[in-house]
Each structure stands twice: as structure tokens, then as C-alpha cells.
Amino acid sequence: MSDLKTLLEKNRAWAEGIKAGNPEFFQALAKQQSPAYMWIGCSDSRMPATQLIGLLPGELFVHRNVANVVAHTDFNCLSVMQFAVDVLKVSHIIVCGHYGCGGVQAAMQNLKLGLIDNWLRHVQDVMRSHEALLREIEDEAQRLNRLCELNVVEQVLNVSRTTIVQSAWGRGQELTVHGWIYKLEDGLLHDLGISITNPNDLSVAYENVAEAADARQET
């Protein structure tokens, strides 16, 4: 219980710090939220979405799961996305993975962890789709990091193929889907060079990212 009491004390200190800079912050926040961004990220405790990009509460709508997967059968993720796009009218959806992702590593090594094995089949599908490319990478850590990048790219494409995003584009709503990755060792985010703004971008964006990935591998 002492640990939980410490958390409550930290919460009070945090709230007081916010109010010291803006006394009306929480009253205004309670009335509405109007984020411009949605974040789909990994559940990893080292990836606190709002803190990574320096935003305040109310500025980022967040969905997180193991290995930042977007599955067309995951009604949790799709419901969050639908609310973000149709109700909150976000302008950007950011899919963000991270290098050294434990979920991606478990999928790559085909570890048997229990129920989550079924979830990680989605990542294994990504791995099989890029088997030839990954096989060329001898160093296991580099291979893992490449799969982390490819997984983000695939999830960006999955987001862009949802009926939610397709419908938004169909009615002329401005909405862009981005792929980023986070490096734990230095705390920096990296743009993977994939941003999709309409259905016609899908195939072109994927080709561009594949070429960029090849270039990074050669350097």
C-alpha cells in the first residue's frame, strides 16, 4: 500500500505543478478534449506517449497494445480510432514502434508465452512477408530492429486500409497516417518516411519505405 500512496502523492504534486503554471488548466480540460493527434503505440512502460512528444493532457488521443499492432479484428483499437477520426476529428494518426521491442522479438524467435502468442501471429505475418529481406541481415539485433521498422510500416498500411480512414478520406476529411519509431537508448523518435494522406498513396508509400530501408542497411 505504501507504493500506491506514493503514486497518489506524485499525482497531487503533478497536478499542483500544472495549476501553478495555469490555474484554469483542469477546469478547461474537463469541459472538452480537442486533440489533433492520435497515437497508436506499444504498451512498453518505457514509451509514455504524451511525454515523448512534450504534449499536455488533452492534446493526444492514445491507443497502446503489445507491439503496436493494428488488426482489422481488434474492435478495441478500431473503436478508439473511429472515435478519434469521426468524433474528435484528429488530423494525424501516428503509429509508433520502438527498437528492441520485446513483442516483436518474441514473434521473431517464436517464443511460447501463452495467450499472447495468438496476438503476435500478426507480427509473424509481417516477418514472413519480408522473410527474404530479413534473412540477409546476419546480426540478430539489426534483424530485430529491421523487423520493428517493417512492423510499423505494415501497421500504417493497416490503419490506412480501415473503413474508418477510407471513409474519412472519401468525405474529404484531412487525415494523414504516419510511421515513427523510438530509440530507447537516446530517447529520440525517428520518422520512417511513410505518411499516407489518401488511398493513392498506399502503394507508392510502401515502395518508398522499402527503398529507404535498403539504403539504411547499406550504410
C-alpha atoms as a PDB file:
ATOM      1  CA  MET A   1       0.000   0.000   0.000  1.00  0.00           C
ATOM      2  CA  SER A   2       2.908   2.372   0.668  1.00  0.00           C
ATOM      3  CA  ASP A   3       3.851   2.175  -3.017  1.00  0.00           C
ATOM      4  CA  LEU A   4       0.320   3.165  -4.044  1.00  0.00           C
ATOM      5  CA  LYS A   5       0.305   6.002  -1.534  1.00  0.00           C
ATOM      6  CA  THR A   6       3.488   7.300  -3.143  1.00  0.00           C
ATOM      7  CA  LEU A   7       1.748   7.285  -6.529  1.00  0.00           C
ATOM      8  CA  LEU A   8      -1.137   9.347  -5.170  1.00  0.00           C
ATOM      9  CA  GLU A   9       1.326  11.805  -3.666  1.00  0.00           C
ATOM     10  CA  LYS A  10       3.126  12.080  -7.001  1.00  0.00           C
ATOM     11  CA  ASN A  11      -0.227  12.724  -8.679  1.00  0.00           C
ATOM     12  CA  ARG A  12      -1.010  15.587  -6.305  1.00  0.00           C
ATOM     13  CA  ALA A  13       2.422  17.104  -6.879  1.00  0.00           C
ATOM     14  CA  TRP A  14       1.977  16.809 -10.643  1.00  0.00           C
ATOM     15  CA  ALA A  15      -1.476  18.426 -10.565  1.00  0.00           C
ATOM     16  CA  GLU A  16      -0.226  21.252  -8.383  1.00  0.00           C
ATOM     17  CA  GLY A  17       2.665  21.826 -10.762  1.00  0.00           C
ATOM     18  CA  ILE A  18       0.291  22.107 -13.714  1.00  0.00           C
ATOM     19  CA  LYS A  19      -2.014  24.503 -11.827  1.00  0.00           C
ATOM     20  CA  ALA A  20       0.918  26.646 -10.761  1.00  0.00           C
ATOM     21  CA  GLY A  21       1.586  27.433 -14.412  1.00  0.00           C
ATOM     22  CA  ASN A  22      -2.071  27.603 -15.489  1.00  0.00           C
ATOM     23  CA  PRO A  23      -4.642  27.804 -12.671  1.00  0.00           C
ATOM     24  CA  GLU A  24      -7.569  27.208 -15.052  1.00  0.00           C
ATOM     25  CA  PHE A  25      -6.000  24.275 -16.902  1.00  0.00           C
ATOM     26  CA  PHE A  26      -8.017  21.414 -15.420  1.00  0.00           C
ATOM     27  CA  GLN A  27     -11.319  23.307 -15.437  1.00  0.00           C
ATOM     28  CA  ALA A  28     -10.903  23.982 -19.152  1.00  0.00           C
ATOM     29  CA  LEU A  29      -9.722  20.429 -19.830  1.00  0.00           C
ATOM     30  CA  ALA A  30     -12.757  18.933 -18.086  1.00  0.00           C
ATOM     31  CA  LYS A  31     -15.111  20.706 -20.498  1.00  0.00           C
ATOM     32  CA  GLN A  32     -13.718  19.193 -23.692  1.00  0.00           C
ATOM     33  CA  GLN A  33     -10.818  17.485 -25.433  1.00  0.00           C
ATOM     34  CA  SER A  34      -9.712  18.549 -28.891  1.00  0.00           C
ATOM     35  CA  PRO A  35      -6.522  16.660 -29.802  1.00  0.00           C
ATOM     36  CA  ALA A  36      -5.086  16.985 -33.275  1.00  0.00           C
ATOM     37  CA  TYR A  37      -3.226  13.691 -32.981  1.00  0.00           C
ATOM     38  CA  MET A  38      -3.938  10.035 -32.338  1.00  0.00           C
ATOM     39  CA  TRP A  39      -1.102   7.790 -31.186  1.00  0.00           C
ATOM     40  CA  ILE A  40      -1.021   4.030 -31.718  1.00  0.00           C
ATOM     41  CA  GLY A  41       1.948   2.734 -29.787  1.00  0.00           C
ATOM     42  CA  CYS A  42       3.421  -0.168 -27.891  1.00  0.00           C
ATOM     43  CA  SER A  43       2.354  -0.936 -24.313  1.00  0.00           C
ATOM     44  CA  ASP A  44       6.011  -0.926 -23.226  1.00  0.00           C
ATOM     45  CA  SER A  45       6.302   1.047 -19.980  1.00  0.00           C
ATOM     46  CA  ARG A  46       9.295   2.928 -21.391  1.00  0.00           C
ATOM     47  CA  MET A  47       7.149   4.564 -24.079  1.00  0.00           C
ATOM     48  CA  PRO A  48       4.953   7.192 -22.381  1.00  0.00           C
ATOM     49  CA  ALA A  49       3.351   8.672 -25.470  1.00  0.00           C
ATOM     50  CA  THR A  50       2.462  12.172 -24.275  1.00  0.00           C
ATOM     51  CA  GLN A  51       5.816  12.712 -22.567  1.00  0.00           C
ATOM     52  CA  LEU A  52       7.810  11.592 -25.615  1.00  0.00           C
ATOM     53  CA  ILE A  53       6.481  14.434 -27.720  1.00  0.00           C
ATOM     54  CA  GLY A  54       6.097  17.012 -24.970  1.00  0.00           C
ATOM     55  CA  LEU A  55       2.312  17.364 -25.101  1.00  0.00           C
ATOM     56  CA  LEU A  56      -0.114  18.127 -22.293  1.00  0.00           C
ATOM     57  CA  PRO A  57      -3.195  16.139 -21.278  1.00  0.00           C
ATOM     58  CA  GLY A  58      -5.920  16.642 -23.873  1.00  0.00           C
ATOM     59  CA  GLU A  59      -3.527  17.029 -26.800  1.00  0.00           C
ATOM     60  CA  LEU A  60      -3.013  13.361 -27.738  1.00  0.00           C
ATOM     61  CA  PHE A  61      -5.573  10.554 -28.105  1.00  0.00           C
ATOM     62  CA  VAL A  62      -3.856   7.260 -27.323  1.00  0.00           C
ATOM     63  CA  HIS A  63      -4.235   3.553 -28.021  1.00  0.00           C
ATOM     64  CA  ARG A  64      -1.475   1.149 -26.961  1.00  0.00           C
ATOM     65  CA  ASN A  65      -1.025  -2.589 -27.230  1.00  0.00           C
ATOM     66  CA  VAL A  66       1.798  -5.115 -27.354  1.00  0.00           C
ATOM     67  CA  ALA A  67       3.938  -4.466 -30.476  1.00  0.00           C
ATOM     68  CA  ASN A  68       1.704  -1.608 -31.702  1.00  0.00           C
ATOM     69  CA  VAL A  69      -0.398  -3.904 -33.874  1.00  0.00           C
ATOM     70  CA  VAL A  70      -3.438  -2.739 -35.853  1.00  0.00           C
ATOM     71  CA  ALA A  71      -5.586  -5.772 -36.614  1.00  0.00           C
ATOM     72  CA  HIS A  72      -8.826  -5.494 -38.549  1.00  0.00           C
ATOM     73  CA  THR A  73     -10.489  -7.797 -35.992  1.00  0.00           C
ATOM     74  CA  ASP A  74      -9.422  -5.730 -32.967  1.00  0.00           C
ATOM     75  CA  PHE A  75     -12.553  -3.760 -32.116  1.00  0.00           C
ATOM     76  CA  ASN A  76     -10.787  -2.098 -29.197  1.00  0.00           C
ATOM     77  CA  CYS A  77      -8.256  -0.405 -31.479  1.00  0.00           C
ATOM     78  CA  LEU A  78     -10.830   0.258 -34.189  1.00  0.00           C
ATOM     79  CA  SER A  79     -13.258   1.826 -31.704  1.00  0.00           C
ATOM     80  CA  VAL A  80     -10.566   4.178 -30.421  1.00  0.00           C
ATOM     81  CA  MET A  81      -9.640   5.056 -33.990  1.00  0.00           C
ATOM     82  CA  GLN A  82     -13.248   5.624 -35.013  1.00  0.00           C
ATOM     83  CA  PHE A  83     -13.832   7.978 -32.081  1.00  0.00           C
ATOM     84  CA  ALA A  84     -10.610   9.851 -32.829  1.00  0.00           C
ATOM     85  CA  VAL A  85     -11.400  10.277 -36.524  1.00  0.00           C
ATOM     86  CA  ASP A  86     -15.167  10.677 -36.609  1.00  0.00           C
ATOM     87  CA  VAL A  87     -15.820  12.486 -33.319  1.00  0.00           C
ATOM     88  CA  LEU A  88     -12.610  14.252 -32.344  1.00  0.00           C
ATOM     89  CA  LYS A  89     -11.619  14.923 -35.970  1.00  0.00           C
ATOM     90  CA  VAL A  90      -7.903  14.328 -35.449  1.00  0.00           C
ATOM     91  CA  SER A  91      -5.681  15.344 -38.353  1.00  0.00           C
ATOM     92  CA  HIS A  92      -2.886  12.850 -37.778  1.00  0.00           C
ATOM     93  CA  ILE A  93      -2.632   9.213 -36.734  1.00  0.00           C
ATOM     94  CA  ILE A  94       0.877   8.246 -35.637  1.00  0.00           C
ATOM     95  CA  VAL A  95       1.835   4.582 -35.440  1.00  0.00           C
ATOM     96  CA  CYS A  96       4.946   4.400 -33.269  1.00  0.00           C
ATOM     97  CA  GLY A  97       7.003   1.323 -32.503  1.00  0.00           C
ATOM     98  CA  HIS A  98      10.367   1.083 -30.821  1.00  0.00           C
ATOM     99  CA  TYR A  99      13.661  -0.626 -31.474  1.00  0.00           C
ATOM    100  CA  GLY A 100      14.281  -3.761 -29.441  1.00  0.00           C
ATOM    101  CA  CYS A 101      10.550  -4.342 -28.952  1.00  0.00           C
ATOM    102  CA  GLY A 102      10.007  -7.388 -26.728  1.00  0.00           C
ATOM    103  CA  GLY A 103       6.818  -8.359 -28.525  1.00  0.00           C
ATOM    104  CA  VAL A 104       8.472  -8.246 -31.925  1.00  0.00           C
ATOM    105  CA  GLN A 105      11.422 -10.206 -30.544  1.00  0.00           C
ATOM    106  CA  ALA A 106       9.107 -12.887 -29.127  1.00  0.00           C
ATOM    107  CA  ALA A 107       7.429 -13.180 -32.519  1.00  0.00           C
ATOM    108  CA  MET A 108      10.757 -13.373 -34.338  1.00  0.00           C
ATOM    109  CA  GLN A 109      12.053 -16.095 -32.007  1.00  0.00           C
ATOM    110  CA  ASN A 110       8.699 -17.908 -31.964  1.00  0.00           C
ATOM    111  CA  LEU A 111       8.663 -17.934 -28.172  1.00  0.00           C
ATOM    112  CA  LYS A 112       5.815 -19.711 -26.381  1.00  0.00           C
ATOM    113  CA  LEU A 113       4.468 -17.239 -23.841  1.00  0.00           C
ATOM    114  CA  GLY A 114       0.810 -18.220 -23.652  1.00  0.00           C
ATOM    115  CA  LEU A 115      -2.265 -16.311 -24.802  1.00  0.00           C
ATOM    116  CA  ILE A 116      -0.181 -13.507 -26.284  1.00  0.00           C
ATOM    117  CA  ASP A 117       1.243 -15.948 -28.855  1.00  0.00           C
ATOM    118  CA  ASN A 118      -2.023 -15.581 -30.764  1.00  0.00           C
ATOM    119  CA  TRP A 119      -1.665 -11.793 -30.830  1.00  0.00           C
ATOM    120  CA  LEU A 120       1.929 -11.961 -32.014  1.00  0.00           C
ATOM    121  CA  ARG A 121       0.898 -14.029 -35.022  1.00  0.00           C
ATOM    122  CA  HIS A 122       0.221 -10.657 -36.649  1.00  0.00           C
ATOM    123  CA  VAL A 123       3.893  -9.729 -36.261  1.00  0.00           C
ATOM    124  CA  GLN A 124       4.921 -13.134 -37.552  1.00  0.00           C
ATOM    125  CA  ASP A 125       2.843 -12.463 -40.653  1.00  0.00           C
ATOM    126  CA  VAL A 126       4.919  -9.319 -41.182  1.00  0.00           C
ATOM    127  CA  MET A 127       8.084 -11.361 -40.698  1.00  0.00           C
ATOM    128  CA  ARG A 128       7.017 -13.926 -43.279  1.00  0.00           C
ATOM    129  CA  SER A 129       6.128 -11.195 -45.777  1.00  0.00           C
ATOM    130  CA  HIS A 130       9.696  -9.882 -45.564  1.00  0.00           C
ATOM    131  CA  GLU A 131      11.479 -13.161 -44.989  1.00  0.00           C
ATOM    132  CA  ALA A 132      13.971 -12.732 -47.825  1.00  0.00           C
ATOM    133  CA  LEU A 133      14.986  -9.244 -46.704  1.00  0.00           C
ATOM    134  CA  LEU A 134      15.368 -10.261 -43.065  1.00  0.00           C
ATOM    135  CA  ARG A 135      17.352 -13.369 -43.943  1.00  0.00           C
ATOM    136  CA  GLU A 136      20.056 -11.174 -45.480  1.00  0.00           C
ATOM    137  CA  ILE A 137      20.724  -9.481 -42.120  1.00  0.00           C
ATOM    138  CA  GLU A 138      23.215 -11.600 -40.199  1.00  0.00           C
ATOM    139  CA  ASP A 139      23.318  -9.631 -36.958  1.00  0.00           C
ATOM    140  CA  GLU A 140      20.336 -10.647 -34.814  1.00  0.00           C
ATOM    141  CA  ALA A 141      19.942  -7.247 -33.141  1.00  0.00           C
ATOM    142  CA  GLN A 142      19.919  -5.493 -36.509  1.00  0.00           C
ATOM    143  CA  ARG A 143      17.448  -8.055 -37.838  1.00  0.00           C
ATOM    144  CA  LEU A 144      15.167  -7.392 -34.871  1.00  0.00           C
ATOM    145  CA  ASN A 145      15.349  -3.649 -35.386  1.00  0.00           C
ATOM    146  CA  ARG A 146      14.564  -4.010 -39.064  1.00  0.00           C
ATOM    147  CA  LEU A 147      11.537  -6.134 -38.208  1.00  0.00           C
ATOM    148  CA  CYS A 148      10.452  -3.448 -35.726  1.00  0.00           C
ATOM    149  CA  GLU A 149      10.584  -0.911 -38.575  1.00  0.00           C
ATOM    150  CA  LEU A 150       8.766  -3.186 -41.008  1.00  0.00           C
ATOM    151  CA  ASN A 151       6.097  -3.883 -38.406  1.00  0.00           C
ATOM    152  CA  VAL A 152       5.415  -0.160 -38.054  1.00  0.00           C
ATOM    153  CA  VAL A 153       5.157   0.187 -41.830  1.00  0.00           C
ATOM    154  CA  GLU A 154       2.682  -2.688 -42.065  1.00  0.00           C
ATOM    155  CA  GLN A 155       0.551  -1.227 -39.284  1.00  0.00           C
ATOM    156  CA  VAL A 156       0.494   2.159 -41.026  1.00  0.00           C
ATOM    157  CA  LEU A 157      -0.833   0.385 -44.088  1.00  0.00           C
ATOM    158  CA  ASN A 158      -3.368  -1.471 -41.948  1.00  0.00           C
ATOM    159  CA  VAL A 159      -4.600   1.812 -40.462  1.00  0.00           C
ATOM    160  CA  SER A 160      -4.878   3.312 -43.933  1.00  0.00           C
ATOM    161  CA  ARG A 161      -6.934   0.356 -45.176  1.00  0.00           C
ATOM    162  CA  THR A 162      -9.538   0.518 -42.416  1.00  0.00           C
ATOM    163  CA  THR A 163     -13.051   1.564 -43.355  1.00  0.00           C
ATOM    164  CA  ILE A 164     -12.677   4.352 -40.782  1.00  0.00           C
ATOM    165  CA  VAL A 165      -9.792   6.065 -42.550  1.00  0.00           C
ATOM    166  CA  GLN A 166     -11.032   5.235 -46.035  1.00  0.00           C
ATOM    167  CA  SER A 167     -14.418   6.776 -45.225  1.00  0.00           C
ATOM    168  CA  ALA A 168     -12.776   9.888 -43.799  1.00  0.00           C
ATOM    169  CA  TRP A 169     -10.785  10.367 -46.984  1.00  0.00           C
ATOM    170  CA  GLY A 170     -13.897   9.666 -49.037  1.00  0.00           C
ATOM    171  CA  ARG A 171     -15.743  12.584 -47.446  1.00  0.00           C
ATOM    172  CA  GLY A 172     -12.753  14.887 -47.880  1.00  0.00           C
ATOM    173  CA  GLN A 173     -11.550  14.943 -44.268  1.00  0.00           C
ATOM    174  CA  GLU A 174      -7.900  15.908 -43.877  1.00  0.00           C
ATOM    175  CA  LEU A 175      -6.171  12.953 -42.252  1.00  0.00           C
ATOM    176  CA  THR A 176      -2.600  11.676 -42.523  1.00  0.00           C
ATOM    177  CA  VAL A 177      -1.211   8.398 -41.186  1.00  0.00           C
ATOM    178  CA  HIS A 178       2.463   8.390 -40.168  1.00  0.00           C
ATOM    179  CA  GLY A 179       5.026   5.756 -39.169  1.00  0.00           C
ATOM    180  CA  TRP A 180       7.561   6.567 -36.447  1.00  0.00           C
ATOM    181  CA  ILE A 181       9.943   4.537 -34.319  1.00  0.00           C
ATOM    182  CA  TYR A 182      11.513   5.283 -30.945  1.00  0.00           C
ATOM    183  CA  LYS A 183      15.043   4.531 -29.807  1.00  0.00           C
ATOM    184  CA  LEU A 184      15.189   3.747 -26.106  1.00  0.00           C
ATOM    185  CA  GLU A 185      18.929   4.350 -25.887  1.00  0.00           C
ATOM    186  CA  ASP A 186      18.714   8.066 -26.659  1.00  0.00           C
ATOM    187  CA  GLY A 187      15.043   8.922 -26.230  1.00  0.00           C
ATOM    188  CA  LEU A 188      14.669  10.113 -29.816  1.00  0.00           C
ATOM    189  CA  LEU A 189      11.851   9.492 -32.273  1.00  0.00           C
ATOM    190  CA  HIS A 190      12.606   8.750 -35.912  1.00  0.00           C
ATOM    191  CA  ASP A 191      10.334   9.289 -38.890  1.00  0.00           C
ATOM    192  CA  LEU A 192      10.316   6.147 -41.047  1.00  0.00           C
ATOM    193  CA  GLY A 193       9.409   8.155 -44.113  1.00  0.00           C
ATOM    194  CA  ILE A 194       5.885   6.880 -44.550  1.00  0.00           C
ATOM    195  CA  SER A 195       2.990   9.353 -44.480  1.00  0.00           C
ATOM    196  CA  ILE A 196      -0.244   8.435 -46.216  1.00  0.00           C
ATOM    197  CA  THR A 197      -2.791  11.139 -46.969  1.00  0.00           C
ATOM    198  CA  ASN A 198      -5.113   9.383 -49.424  1.00  0.00           C
ATOM    199  CA  PRO A 199      -5.797   5.932 -50.927  1.00  0.00           C
ATOM    200  CA  ASN A 200      -3.491   6.578 -53.861  1.00  0.00           C
ATOM    201  CA  ASP A 201      -0.519   6.957 -51.522  1.00  0.00           C
ATOM    202  CA  LEU A 202      -0.664   3.375 -50.268  1.00  0.00           C
ATOM    203  CA  SER A 203       1.409   1.518 -52.856  1.00  0.00           C
ATOM    204  CA  VAL A 204       3.796   4.416 -53.505  1.00  0.00           C
ATOM    205  CA  ALA A 205       4.469   4.934 -49.799  1.00  0.00           C
ATOM    206  CA  TYR A 206       5.292   1.288 -49.259  1.00  0.00           C
ATOM    207  CA  GLU A 207       7.762   1.232 -52.160  1.00  0.00           C
ATOM    208  CA  ASN A 208       9.472   4.376 -50.880  1.00  0.00           C
ATOM    209  CA  VAL A 209       9.883   2.964 -47.388  1.00  0.00           C
ATOM    210  CA  ALA A 210      11.266  -0.323 -48.716  1.00  0.00           C
ATOM    211  CA  GLU A 211      13.869   1.600 -50.733  1.00  0.00           C
ATOM    212  CA  ALA A 212      14.762   3.746 -47.721  1.00  0.00           C
ATOM    213  CA  ALA A 213      15.151   0.644 -45.569  1.00  0.00           C
ATOM    214  CA  ASP A 214      17.502  -0.886 -48.114  1.00  0.00           C
ATOM    215  CA  ALA A 215      19.557   2.305 -48.155  1.00  0.00           C
ATOM    216  CA  ARG A 216      19.850   2.284 -44.360  1.00  0.00           C
ATOM    217  CA  GLN A 217      21.004  -1.310 -44.441  1.00  0.00           C
ATOM    218  CA  GLU A 218      23.807  -0.471 -46.884  1.00  0.00           C
ATOM    219  CA  THR A 219      25.167   2.378 -44.744  1.00  0.00           C
END
